[in-house]
N, C-alpha and C. Protein backbone atom coordinates (compact mmCIF):
# COMPACT_ATOMS: atom_id res chain seq x y z
N MET A 1 165.42 167.77 348.98
CA MET A 1 165.26 168.53 347.55
C MET A 1 165.95 167.60 346.47
N ASP A 2 165.21 167.19 345.44
CA ASP A 2 165.70 166.26 344.36
C ASP A 2 166.56 167.29 343.53
N ILE A 3 167.90 166.80 343.28
CA ILE A 3 168.87 167.69 342.44
C ILE A 3 169.08 166.99 341.17
N ALA A 4 168.28 165.97 340.99
CA ALA A 4 168.44 165.34 339.55
C ALA A 4 168.13 166.39 338.44
N PRO A 5 166.91 166.96 338.42
CA PRO A 5 166.56 167.82 337.34
C PRO A 5 167.86 168.92 337.31
N LEU A 6 168.10 169.52 338.40
CA LEU A 6 168.99 170.50 338.29
C LEU A 6 170.38 169.94 337.65
N ALA A 7 170.79 168.59 337.96
CA ALA A 7 172.18 168.20 337.40
C ALA A 7 171.85 167.87 335.91
N LEU A 8 170.74 167.47 335.46
CA LEU A 8 170.42 167.20 334.19
C LEU A 8 170.48 168.58 333.37
N LEU A 9 169.94 169.65 333.97
CA LEU A 9 170.10 171.03 333.43
C LEU A 9 171.37 171.38 333.24
N VAL A 10 172.26 171.20 334.14
CA VAL A 10 173.61 171.57 333.96
C VAL A 10 174.28 170.77 333.03
N LEU A 11 174.06 169.47 332.89
CA LEU A 11 174.67 168.72 331.87
C LEU A 11 174.25 169.10 330.53
N PHE A 12 173.06 169.56 330.43
CA PHE A 12 172.49 170.10 329.15
C PHE A 12 173.22 171.39 328.86
N PHE A 13 173.37 172.29 329.57
CA PHE A 13 174.07 173.45 329.29
C PHE A 13 175.64 173.08 328.88
N ILE A 14 176.23 172.37 329.79
CA ILE A 14 177.55 171.97 329.23
C ILE A 14 177.64 171.27 327.84
N ALA A 15 176.53 170.32 327.61
CA ALA A 15 176.41 169.82 326.27
C ALA A 15 176.41 170.76 325.15
N CYS A 16 175.58 171.77 325.41
CA CYS A 16 175.34 172.84 324.56
C CYS A 16 176.53 173.64 324.40
N ILE A 17 177.41 173.98 325.43
CA ILE A 17 178.55 174.76 325.25
C ILE A 17 179.57 173.95 324.51
N LEU A 18 179.80 172.66 324.68
CA LEU A 18 180.81 171.92 324.01
C LEU A 18 180.28 171.79 322.56
N TRP A 19 178.98 171.50 322.23
CA TRP A 19 178.69 171.59 320.95
C TRP A 19 178.75 172.69 320.20
N TRP A 20 178.53 174.13 320.91
CA TRP A 20 179.02 175.27 320.30
C TRP A 20 180.53 175.42 319.86
N ARG A 21 181.13 174.94 321.01
CA ARG A 21 182.55 175.31 320.85
C ARG A 21 183.05 174.38 319.85
N GLU A 22 182.60 173.08 319.56
CA GLU A 22 183.08 172.29 318.55
C GLU A 22 182.63 172.62 316.96
N ARG A 23 181.40 173.33 317.09
CA ARG A 23 180.84 173.95 315.82
C ARG A 23 181.68 175.17 315.45
N MET A 24 182.08 175.90 316.42
CA MET A 24 182.91 177.10 316.13
C MET A 24 184.38 176.58 315.65
N ARG A 25 184.75 175.59 316.35
CA ARG A 25 186.12 174.98 315.71
C ARG A 25 186.11 174.51 314.40
N ALA A 26 184.82 173.67 314.03
CA ALA A 26 184.68 173.32 312.75
C ALA A 26 184.73 174.18 311.83
N GLN A 27 183.81 175.31 311.93
CA GLN A 27 183.61 176.57 311.09
C GLN A 27 185.04 177.15 310.78
N HIS A 28 185.86 177.28 312.04
CA HIS A 28 187.06 177.90 311.85
C HIS A 28 188.16 177.00 310.78
N LEU A 29 188.05 175.62 311.17
CA LEU A 29 188.88 174.81 310.18
C LEU A 29 188.40 174.97 308.81
N LEU A 30 187.08 175.04 308.59
CA LEU A 30 186.47 175.07 307.17
C LEU A 30 186.88 176.30 306.67
N ARG A 31 186.83 177.54 307.37
CA ARG A 31 187.32 178.86 306.78
C ARG A 31 188.87 178.55 306.34
N GLU A 32 189.69 178.04 307.39
CA GLU A 32 191.05 177.86 307.17
C GLU A 32 191.39 176.99 305.77
N GLN A 33 190.54 175.83 305.59
CA GLN A 33 190.71 175.08 304.48
C GLN A 33 190.41 175.81 303.26
N HIS A 34 189.20 176.71 303.26
CA HIS A 34 188.80 177.40 302.03
C HIS A 34 189.96 178.55 301.54
N ARG A 35 190.63 179.22 302.82
CA ARG A 35 191.68 180.09 302.61
C ARG A 35 192.89 179.44 302.04
N ARG A 36 193.20 178.17 302.56
CA ARG A 36 194.24 177.49 301.83
C ARG A 36 194.00 177.10 300.47
N ASN A 37 192.90 176.57 300.25
CA ASN A 37 192.48 176.28 298.81
C ASN A 37 192.71 177.42 298.01
N ALA A 38 192.01 178.71 298.39
CA ALA A 38 192.33 179.90 297.63
C ALA A 38 193.66 180.25 297.17
N GLU A 39 194.72 180.00 298.25
CA GLU A 39 195.92 180.35 298.02
C GLU A 39 196.69 179.32 297.07
N LEU A 40 196.18 178.00 297.06
CA LEU A 40 196.79 177.04 296.22
C LEU A 40 196.43 177.41 294.81
N MET A 41 195.11 177.82 294.85
CA MET A 41 194.40 178.24 293.41
C MET A 41 195.36 179.37 292.76
N ARG A 42 195.53 180.30 293.53
CA ARG A 42 196.23 181.46 293.00
C ARG A 42 197.91 181.14 292.78
N THR A 43 198.27 180.15 293.53
CA THR A 43 199.60 179.69 293.38
C THR A 43 199.68 179.13 291.89
N THR A 44 198.64 178.15 291.79
CA THR A 44 198.58 177.26 290.42
C THR A 44 198.35 178.26 289.24
N GLU A 45 197.56 179.48 289.45
CA GLU A 45 197.40 180.30 288.41
C GLU A 45 198.78 181.04 288.10
N ARG A 46 199.25 181.55 289.20
CA ARG A 46 200.71 182.03 288.89
C ARG A 46 201.52 180.98 288.19
N CYS A 47 201.70 179.85 288.60
CA CYS A 47 202.41 178.97 287.79
C CYS A 47 202.10 178.85 286.41
N GLU A 48 200.67 178.75 286.21
CA GLU A 48 200.43 178.63 284.79
C GLU A 48 200.66 179.98 284.00
N SER A 49 200.52 181.03 284.51
CA SER A 49 200.97 182.16 283.84
C SER A 49 202.36 182.37 283.64
N LEU A 50 203.17 181.94 284.50
CA LEU A 50 204.79 181.82 284.32
C LEU A 50 205.02 180.70 283.12
N ALA A 51 204.15 179.74 283.20
CA ALA A 51 204.54 178.71 282.26
C ALA A 51 204.36 179.16 280.73
N ARG A 52 203.01 179.90 280.72
CA ARG A 52 202.76 180.42 279.51
C ARG A 52 203.66 181.60 278.95
N LEU A 53 204.26 182.37 279.80
CA LEU A 53 205.23 183.39 279.71
C LEU A 53 206.48 182.64 279.04
N HIS A 54 206.88 181.59 279.85
CA HIS A 54 207.97 180.70 279.28
C HIS A 54 207.81 180.27 278.05
N ARG A 55 206.80 179.67 277.61
CA ARG A 55 206.50 179.13 276.36
C ARG A 55 206.31 180.21 275.20
N SER A 56 205.95 181.25 275.65
CA SER A 56 205.97 182.43 274.63
C SER A 56 207.45 182.96 274.33
N ALA A 57 208.21 183.04 275.43
CA ALA A 57 209.56 183.39 275.32
C ALA A 57 210.39 182.33 274.37
N GLU A 58 210.07 181.02 274.65
CA GLU A 58 210.72 179.98 273.77
C GLU A 58 210.32 180.19 272.33
N GLU A 59 209.03 180.40 272.04
CA GLU A 59 208.56 180.65 270.59
C GLU A 59 209.28 181.81 270.07
N ARG A 60 209.18 182.76 270.82
CA ARG A 60 210.04 184.01 270.16
C ARG A 60 211.44 183.83 269.83
N GLU A 61 212.17 183.04 270.74
CA GLU A 61 213.44 182.68 270.47
C GLU A 61 213.58 181.83 269.28
N ARG A 62 212.61 180.89 269.10
CA ARG A 62 212.73 180.02 267.83
C ARG A 62 212.59 180.93 266.68
N LEU A 63 211.61 181.93 266.78
CA LEU A 63 211.47 182.77 265.56
C LEU A 63 212.57 183.61 265.44
N TYR A 64 213.19 184.18 266.23
CA TYR A 64 214.43 184.84 266.00
C TYR A 64 215.48 183.99 265.56
N ALA A 65 215.66 182.75 265.95
CA ALA A 65 216.44 181.73 265.33
C ALA A 65 216.29 181.54 263.87
N ASP A 66 214.98 181.35 263.54
CA ASP A 66 214.46 181.12 262.32
C ASP A 66 214.91 182.21 261.34
N GLY A 67 214.64 183.50 261.92
CA GLY A 67 214.87 184.75 260.99
C GLY A 67 216.34 184.79 260.86
N HIS A 68 217.09 184.57 261.82
CA HIS A 68 218.74 184.55 261.68
C HIS A 68 219.17 183.78 260.43
N ALA A 69 218.55 182.52 260.67
CA ALA A 69 218.81 181.45 259.65
C ALA A 69 218.63 181.99 258.31
N ALA A 70 217.41 182.51 258.09
CA ALA A 70 216.86 183.04 256.83
C ALA A 70 217.81 184.19 256.20
N ILE A 71 218.06 185.08 257.26
CA ILE A 71 218.96 186.38 256.99
C ILE A 71 220.31 185.70 256.49
N ARG A 72 220.89 184.86 257.00
CA ARG A 72 222.20 184.41 256.96
C ARG A 72 222.29 183.70 255.40
N ALA A 73 221.26 182.88 255.26
CA ALA A 73 221.14 182.41 253.85
C ALA A 73 220.91 183.42 252.60
N GLN A 74 220.21 184.36 253.04
CA GLN A 74 220.12 185.64 251.96
C GLN A 74 221.20 186.23 251.80
N LEU A 75 221.95 186.49 252.95
CA LEU A 75 223.26 187.18 252.75
C LEU A 75 224.48 186.37 251.97
N GLU A 76 224.42 184.95 252.08
CA GLU A 76 225.32 184.24 251.59
C GLU A 76 224.81 184.21 249.79
N ASN A 77 223.72 184.37 249.69
CA ASN A 77 223.29 184.40 248.23
C ASN A 77 223.56 185.70 247.58
N LEU A 78 223.37 186.73 248.39
CA LEU A 78 223.88 188.19 248.07
C LEU A 78 225.30 188.16 247.66
N LEU A 79 226.08 187.73 248.63
CA LEU A 79 227.49 187.60 248.35
C LEU A 79 227.85 186.79 247.01
N ALA A 80 227.39 185.64 246.85
CA ALA A 80 227.51 184.69 245.73
C ALA A 80 226.95 185.33 244.36
N SER A 81 226.13 186.12 244.44
CA SER A 81 225.31 186.57 243.26
C SER A 81 226.40 187.74 242.59
N GLY A 82 226.20 187.66 241.45
CA GLY A 82 227.05 188.82 240.69
C GLY A 82 226.22 190.06 240.17
N PRO A 83 225.26 189.71 239.34
CA PRO A 83 224.34 190.97 238.93
C PRO A 83 223.92 191.90 239.88
N VAL A 84 223.77 193.18 239.56
CA VAL A 84 223.44 194.12 240.65
C VAL A 84 221.98 194.17 240.74
N ALA A 85 221.19 193.78 239.97
CA ALA A 85 219.60 193.65 239.80
C ALA A 85 219.42 192.62 240.82
N ALA A 86 220.23 191.35 240.63
CA ALA A 86 219.90 190.36 241.52
C ALA A 86 220.20 190.46 243.02
N GLN A 87 221.24 191.43 243.27
CA GLN A 87 221.70 191.85 244.67
C GLN A 87 220.52 192.55 245.15
N ALA A 88 219.92 193.53 244.40
CA ALA A 88 218.92 194.52 244.83
C ALA A 88 217.58 193.47 245.33
N ASP A 89 217.42 192.63 244.50
CA ASP A 89 216.07 191.77 244.54
C ASP A 89 216.23 191.01 246.17
N LEU A 90 217.56 190.49 246.26
CA LEU A 90 217.92 189.87 247.36
C LEU A 90 217.88 190.65 248.62
N ALA A 91 218.45 191.86 248.54
CA ALA A 91 218.26 192.85 249.76
C ALA A 91 216.95 193.36 249.91
N ARG A 92 216.20 193.50 248.89
CA ARG A 92 214.77 193.69 249.23
C ARG A 92 213.86 192.64 249.96
N THR A 93 214.18 191.33 249.50
CA THR A 93 213.55 190.20 250.25
C THR A 93 214.21 190.14 251.60
N LEU A 94 215.36 190.45 251.78
CA LEU A 94 215.91 190.50 253.29
C LEU A 94 215.31 191.48 254.13
N LEU A 95 215.07 192.60 253.59
CA LEU A 95 214.36 193.75 254.47
C LEU A 95 213.25 193.43 254.64
N GLN A 96 212.23 192.92 253.85
CA GLN A 96 210.97 192.35 254.10
C GLN A 96 210.98 191.24 255.05
N HIS A 97 211.80 190.36 255.06
CA HIS A 97 211.93 189.24 256.02
C HIS A 97 212.22 189.80 257.33
N LEU A 98 213.08 190.88 257.64
CA LEU A 98 213.31 191.45 258.83
C LEU A 98 212.27 192.11 259.30
N ASP A 99 211.48 193.00 258.45
CA ASP A 99 210.15 193.85 258.76
C ASP A 99 209.20 192.86 259.30
N ALA A 100 209.00 191.75 258.52
CA ALA A 100 207.83 190.78 258.97
C ALA A 100 208.08 190.01 260.24
N THR A 101 209.29 189.71 260.40
CA THR A 101 209.78 189.05 261.73
C THR A 101 209.47 189.88 262.81
N ALA A 102 209.96 191.20 262.79
CA ALA A 102 209.89 192.22 263.84
C ALA A 102 208.39 192.46 264.21
N ALA A 103 207.62 192.64 263.05
CA ALA A 103 206.24 192.97 263.14
C ALA A 103 205.57 191.82 263.97
N LEU A 104 205.82 190.63 263.63
CA LEU A 104 205.09 189.30 264.37
C LEU A 104 205.44 189.36 265.73
N ILE A 105 206.77 189.64 266.05
CA ILE A 105 207.22 189.39 267.38
C ILE A 105 206.66 190.71 268.41
N ASP A 106 206.61 191.87 267.66
CA ASP A 106 206.07 192.98 268.41
C ASP A 106 204.61 192.91 268.55
N ASP A 107 203.85 192.35 267.67
CA ASP A 107 202.36 192.35 267.76
C ASP A 107 201.90 191.00 267.55
N VAL A 108 201.97 190.19 268.67
CA VAL A 108 201.53 188.73 268.53
C VAL A 108 200.00 188.70 268.32
N PRO A 109 199.36 187.82 267.50
CA PRO A 109 198.11 187.66 267.53
C PRO A 109 197.34 187.04 268.73
N ARG A 110 196.25 187.54 269.04
CA ARG A 110 195.57 187.15 270.36
C ARG A 110 194.45 186.14 270.03
N THR A 111 193.90 185.94 268.77
CA THR A 111 192.91 185.07 268.47
C THR A 111 193.14 184.25 267.20
N LEU A 112 192.31 183.37 267.13
CA LEU A 112 192.39 182.40 266.08
C LEU A 112 192.38 183.12 264.64
N SER A 113 191.37 184.03 264.55
CA SER A 113 191.21 184.82 263.37
C SER A 113 192.37 185.69 263.02
N GLU A 114 192.90 186.33 263.94
CA GLU A 114 194.19 187.26 263.93
C GLU A 114 195.31 186.40 263.28
N THR A 115 195.57 185.10 263.98
CA THR A 115 196.58 184.32 263.55
C THR A 115 196.52 183.85 262.22
N LEU A 116 195.30 183.31 261.74
CA LEU A 116 195.03 182.99 260.37
C LEU A 116 195.22 184.17 259.31
N GLN A 117 194.92 185.44 259.71
CA GLN A 117 195.13 186.44 258.98
C GLN A 117 196.73 186.68 258.90
N ALA A 118 197.37 186.51 259.93
CA ALA A 118 198.74 186.60 259.91
C ALA A 118 199.43 185.59 259.00
N VAL A 119 198.84 184.28 259.04
CA VAL A 119 199.27 183.21 258.07
C VAL A 119 199.16 183.65 256.62
N ARG A 120 197.94 184.11 256.38
CA ARG A 120 197.78 184.53 255.02
C ARG A 120 198.61 185.68 254.60
N SER A 121 198.90 186.65 255.44
CA SER A 121 199.89 187.88 255.13
C SER A 121 201.22 187.22 254.91
N GLU A 122 201.68 186.44 255.66
CA GLU A 122 203.09 185.81 255.61
C GLU A 122 203.01 184.95 254.12
N ALA A 123 202.08 184.30 253.83
CA ALA A 123 202.19 183.40 252.45
C ALA A 123 201.95 184.55 251.47
N THR A 124 201.28 185.57 251.47
CA THR A 124 201.23 186.41 250.24
C THR A 124 202.49 187.03 250.22
N ARG A 125 203.17 187.48 251.28
CA ARG A 125 204.57 188.10 251.28
C ARG A 125 205.48 187.30 250.64
N ARG A 126 205.44 186.14 250.76
CA ARG A 126 206.28 185.23 250.06
C ARG A 126 206.39 185.09 248.63
N LEU A 127 205.16 185.25 247.93
CA LEU A 127 205.07 185.16 246.61
C LEU A 127 205.65 186.43 246.00
N THR A 128 206.88 186.25 245.62
CA THR A 128 207.80 187.35 245.25
C THR A 128 207.53 187.82 243.57
N THR A 129 207.02 186.95 242.77
CA THR A 129 206.92 187.10 241.42
C THR A 129 205.59 187.84 241.20
N PRO A 130 205.35 188.49 240.14
CA PRO A 130 204.03 189.21 239.89
C PRO A 130 203.22 188.21 239.57
N ALA A 131 203.45 187.20 238.77
CA ALA A 131 202.51 186.08 238.19
C ALA A 131 202.09 185.18 239.32
N ALA A 132 202.83 185.06 240.44
CA ALA A 132 202.51 184.22 241.43
C ALA A 132 201.13 184.57 242.05
N ARG A 133 200.36 183.40 242.49
CA ARG A 133 199.09 183.65 243.01
C ARG A 133 198.96 182.76 244.42
N LEU A 134 198.11 183.33 245.21
CA LEU A 134 197.90 182.48 246.58
C LEU A 134 196.34 182.17 246.41
N ASP A 135 196.31 180.80 246.43
CA ASP A 135 194.83 180.05 246.47
C ASP A 135 194.46 179.94 248.16
N TRP A 136 193.76 180.66 248.73
CA TRP A 136 193.52 180.64 250.24
C TRP A 136 192.08 180.19 250.21
N ASP A 137 191.91 178.93 250.83
CA ASP A 137 190.68 178.09 251.10
C ASP A 137 190.57 177.68 252.56
N CYS A 138 189.85 178.52 253.33
CA CYS A 138 189.69 178.50 254.74
C CYS A 138 188.28 177.96 255.22
N ALA A 139 188.24 176.81 256.03
CA ALA A 139 186.94 176.39 256.33
C ALA A 139 186.10 177.39 256.93
N GLU A 140 184.90 177.42 256.69
CA GLU A 140 183.86 178.51 257.21
C GLU A 140 183.52 178.10 258.64
N ASN A 141 182.96 179.08 259.22
CA ASN A 141 182.51 179.19 260.69
C ASN A 141 183.44 178.44 261.64
N LEU A 142 184.59 178.82 261.52
CA LEU A 142 185.79 178.52 262.49
C LEU A 142 185.48 179.34 263.61
N PRO A 143 185.37 178.55 264.82
CA PRO A 143 185.38 179.43 266.14
C PRO A 143 186.58 180.49 266.29
N ASP A 144 186.27 181.63 266.60
CA ASP A 144 187.27 182.70 266.81
C ASP A 144 187.74 182.59 268.41
N LEU A 145 188.47 181.61 268.58
CA LEU A 145 188.87 181.25 269.89
C LEU A 145 190.26 182.23 270.24
N PRO A 146 190.18 182.52 271.61
CA PRO A 146 191.55 183.21 272.00
C PRO A 146 192.51 182.33 272.12
N LEU A 147 193.71 182.82 271.77
CA LEU A 147 195.07 181.98 271.78
C LEU A 147 196.00 182.68 272.60
N ALA A 148 196.69 181.89 273.39
CA ALA A 148 197.74 182.46 274.06
C ALA A 148 198.87 182.83 273.24
N PRO A 149 199.75 183.74 273.63
CA PRO A 149 200.86 184.04 272.65
C PRO A 149 201.80 182.88 272.41
N ASP A 150 202.00 181.91 273.23
CA ASP A 150 202.93 180.79 272.81
C ASP A 150 202.23 180.17 271.81
N GLN A 151 200.77 179.88 271.77
CA GLN A 151 200.04 179.07 270.83
C GLN A 151 200.15 179.80 269.43
N ALA A 152 199.88 181.02 269.39
CA ALA A 152 199.79 181.74 268.12
C ALA A 152 201.10 181.87 267.49
N LEU A 153 202.26 182.05 268.28
CA LEU A 153 203.62 181.93 267.79
C LEU A 153 204.04 180.73 267.37
N ARG A 154 203.60 179.60 268.02
CA ARG A 154 203.99 178.20 267.62
C ARG A 154 203.24 177.89 266.15
N LEU A 155 201.98 178.19 266.07
CA LEU A 155 201.39 178.09 264.82
C LEU A 155 202.15 178.81 263.69
N LEU A 156 202.52 179.96 263.98
CA LEU A 156 202.99 180.79 262.93
C LEU A 156 204.44 180.43 262.64
N ARG A 157 205.11 180.16 263.67
CA ARG A 157 206.60 179.48 263.37
C ARG A 157 206.47 178.19 262.49
N ARG A 158 205.52 177.19 262.68
CA ARG A 158 205.43 176.03 262.05
C ARG A 158 205.09 176.33 260.60
N VAL A 159 204.16 177.35 260.21
CA VAL A 159 203.80 177.62 258.96
C VAL A 159 205.02 178.29 258.29
N ARG A 160 205.82 179.20 258.96
CA ARG A 160 206.92 179.99 258.31
C ARG A 160 207.88 178.76 257.95
N GLU A 161 208.13 177.66 258.91
CA GLU A 161 209.19 176.73 258.65
C GLU A 161 208.78 175.96 257.28
N THR A 162 207.48 175.92 257.31
CA THR A 162 206.97 174.94 255.96
C THR A 162 207.10 175.64 254.81
N LEU A 163 206.93 176.84 254.78
CA LEU A 163 207.09 177.81 253.64
C LEU A 163 208.31 177.91 253.24
N ASP A 164 209.26 177.94 254.33
CA ASP A 164 210.62 178.10 253.91
C ASP A 164 211.19 176.82 253.22
N GLU A 165 210.73 175.48 253.56
CA GLU A 165 211.03 174.35 252.77
C GLU A 165 210.52 174.38 251.50
N LEU A 166 209.30 174.69 251.30
CA LEU A 166 208.42 174.68 250.14
C LEU A 166 208.84 175.80 249.15
N LEU A 167 209.15 176.80 249.54
CA LEU A 167 209.42 178.09 248.46
C LEU A 167 210.97 177.98 248.29
N GLU A 168 211.74 177.00 248.10
CA GLU A 168 212.96 177.23 247.91
C GLU A 168 213.29 177.74 246.46
N ASP A 169 212.46 177.55 245.61
CA ASP A 169 212.59 178.13 244.28
C ASP A 169 211.28 178.68 243.95
N GLN A 170 211.29 179.73 243.02
CA GLN A 170 210.06 180.53 242.69
C GLN A 170 209.10 179.70 242.08
N GLY A 171 207.83 179.97 242.34
CA GLY A 171 206.78 179.15 241.67
C GLY A 171 205.55 180.00 241.34
N GLN A 172 204.57 179.44 240.62
CA GLN A 172 203.52 180.30 240.12
C GLN A 172 202.21 180.23 240.91
N ALA A 173 202.25 179.15 241.78
CA ALA A 173 200.98 179.04 242.68
C ALA A 173 201.34 178.47 244.07
N LEU A 174 200.75 178.95 245.08
CA LEU A 174 200.81 178.55 246.39
C LEU A 174 199.39 178.36 246.85
N CYS A 175 199.10 177.15 247.31
CA CYS A 175 197.64 176.89 247.81
C CYS A 175 197.70 176.60 249.25
N ILE A 176 196.86 177.18 249.95
CA ILE A 176 196.69 177.03 251.44
C ILE A 176 195.22 176.66 251.58
N ARG A 177 195.04 175.33 252.07
CA ARG A 177 193.62 174.81 252.52
C ARG A 177 193.64 174.47 254.06
N ILE A 178 192.51 175.02 254.71
CA ILE A 178 192.50 174.92 256.05
C ILE A 178 191.14 174.45 256.45
N ASP A 179 191.27 173.06 257.12
CA ASP A 179 190.00 172.17 257.39
C ASP A 179 190.17 171.92 258.94
N ARG A 180 188.91 171.93 259.65
CA ARG A 180 188.70 171.55 260.89
C ARG A 180 188.21 170.32 261.10
N THR A 181 188.73 169.31 261.89
CA THR A 181 188.22 168.05 262.17
C THR A 181 188.51 167.88 263.59
N GLY A 182 186.98 167.96 264.27
CA GLY A 182 187.13 167.96 265.75
C GLY A 182 187.79 169.32 266.19
N ALA A 183 188.68 168.91 267.17
CA ALA A 183 189.58 169.92 267.76
C ALA A 183 190.85 170.14 267.03
N LYS A 184 191.03 169.80 265.86
CA LYS A 184 192.28 170.13 265.07
C LYS A 184 192.05 170.83 263.86
N LEU A 185 193.07 171.72 263.48
CA LEU A 185 193.10 172.34 262.14
C LEU A 185 194.15 171.75 261.41
N THR A 186 193.92 171.51 260.20
CA THR A 186 194.83 170.95 259.25
C THR A 186 195.23 171.98 258.15
N PHE A 187 196.44 172.16 258.02
CA PHE A 187 196.80 173.15 257.11
C PHE A 187 197.44 172.49 255.86
N GLU A 188 196.88 172.21 254.50
CA GLU A 188 197.45 171.62 253.46
C GLU A 188 198.04 172.76 252.63
N ILE A 189 199.25 172.72 252.61
CA ILE A 189 200.10 173.74 251.85
C ILE A 189 200.80 173.11 250.70
N THR A 190 200.39 173.61 249.55
CA THR A 190 201.00 172.90 248.32
C THR A 190 201.71 174.17 247.44
N HIS A 191 202.74 173.99 246.91
CA HIS A 191 203.44 174.82 246.28
C HIS A 191 203.88 174.26 244.66
N GLU A 192 203.48 175.04 243.79
CA GLU A 192 203.90 174.44 242.43
C GLU A 192 204.75 175.59 241.78
N ASN A 193 205.84 174.76 241.56
CA ASN A 193 207.12 175.75 240.96
C ASN A 193 207.06 176.07 239.45
N ALA A 194 207.94 176.70 239.09
CA ALA A 194 207.91 177.26 237.54
C ALA A 194 207.91 175.88 236.64
N THR A 195 208.41 174.69 237.01
CA THR A 195 208.15 173.85 236.13
C THR A 195 207.06 172.89 236.38
N HIS A 196 206.04 173.44 237.23
CA HIS A 196 204.71 172.79 237.39
C HIS A 196 204.66 171.45 238.14
N VAL A 197 205.73 171.68 238.84
CA VAL A 197 205.98 170.28 239.90
C VAL A 197 205.45 170.59 241.36
N PRO A 198 204.51 170.01 241.78
CA PRO A 198 203.74 170.41 243.13
C PRO A 198 204.59 169.73 244.07
N ARG A 199 204.65 170.54 245.37
CA ARG A 199 205.17 170.05 246.54
C ARG A 199 204.31 170.36 247.71
N GLU A 200 204.07 169.41 248.49
CA GLU A 200 202.99 169.61 249.54
C GLU A 200 203.58 169.21 250.79
N ALA A 201 202.97 169.96 251.89
CA ALA A 201 203.24 169.74 253.36
C ALA A 201 202.02 170.00 254.10
N ILE A 202 202.10 169.26 255.14
CA ILE A 202 200.74 169.33 256.03
C ILE A 202 201.14 169.79 257.56
N VAL A 203 200.56 170.79 258.07
CA VAL A 203 200.71 171.33 259.36
C VAL A 203 199.27 171.21 260.08
N ARG A 204 199.42 170.42 261.25
CA ARG A 204 198.31 170.33 262.14
C ARG A 204 198.63 171.19 263.44
N PHE A 205 197.28 171.65 263.93
CA PHE A 205 197.18 172.63 265.08
C PHE A 205 196.10 172.19 265.95
N ALA A 206 196.30 171.77 267.17
CA ALA A 206 195.24 171.61 268.13
C ALA A 206 194.53 172.78 268.57
N LEU A 207 193.21 172.87 268.44
CA LEU A 207 192.57 174.24 268.91
C LEU A 207 192.57 174.13 270.48
N PRO A 208 192.51 175.16 271.00
CA PRO A 208 192.27 175.34 272.46
C PRO A 208 190.93 175.10 272.79
N ARG A 209 190.79 174.78 274.30
CA ARG A 209 189.27 174.57 274.68
C ARG A 209 188.72 175.94 274.75
N ALA A 210 187.43 176.00 274.47
CA ALA A 210 186.68 177.23 274.27
C ALA A 210 186.47 178.04 275.65
N ASP A 211 186.50 177.14 276.68
CA ASP A 211 186.28 177.42 278.05
C ASP A 211 187.35 177.95 278.83
N THR A 212 188.58 177.50 278.29
CA THR A 212 189.79 177.87 279.02
C THR A 212 190.85 178.64 278.43
N GLY A 213 190.77 178.63 276.87
CA GLY A 213 191.87 179.07 276.24
C GLY A 213 193.12 178.40 276.35
N ALA A 214 193.00 177.02 276.76
CA ALA A 214 194.45 176.27 276.96
C ALA A 214 194.71 175.41 275.77
């Protein structure tokens, strides 16, 4: 009896079993790789989320520090001023600054349009004299992108710091022009004081990517 065909058949079955075993092993390794990739992605997302929270906390701390400095300066002016009316005006300004800072920290804007509205409200609040006016000129068709809390707070803090520098004395006009160039916004802020001497500052802000909000 010729056993060669039988041996070939046995070898064929063995080869099939080995192939099936290696295929199962390869699929197991592939599933394990997918699982590890998913875990790595979740870990990366958690790290990014923690980083955003950390940046938001840092921006809040800067806002608190700026608010403290502004309040200290107002109190020093209040102590140094003599007339009761002047003290009342300074106290009113101080309370407004406290309310605005608290509202900003408690209700952080989430989109670009909300942040720009907060900028406009802040600029309007800073104009303390009845004759003062705000000239607001914002580029049209700006994308209403979502902003992370630290991004919105960073922009608002930079604008507030710029207004602090420009509005050291009362003026008649405050002009804010916002233009977009590529992925950047440019804020041109001009203040004209009572002697009609203009002071100007520029704040630039990088827009987040529309697909990621980063």
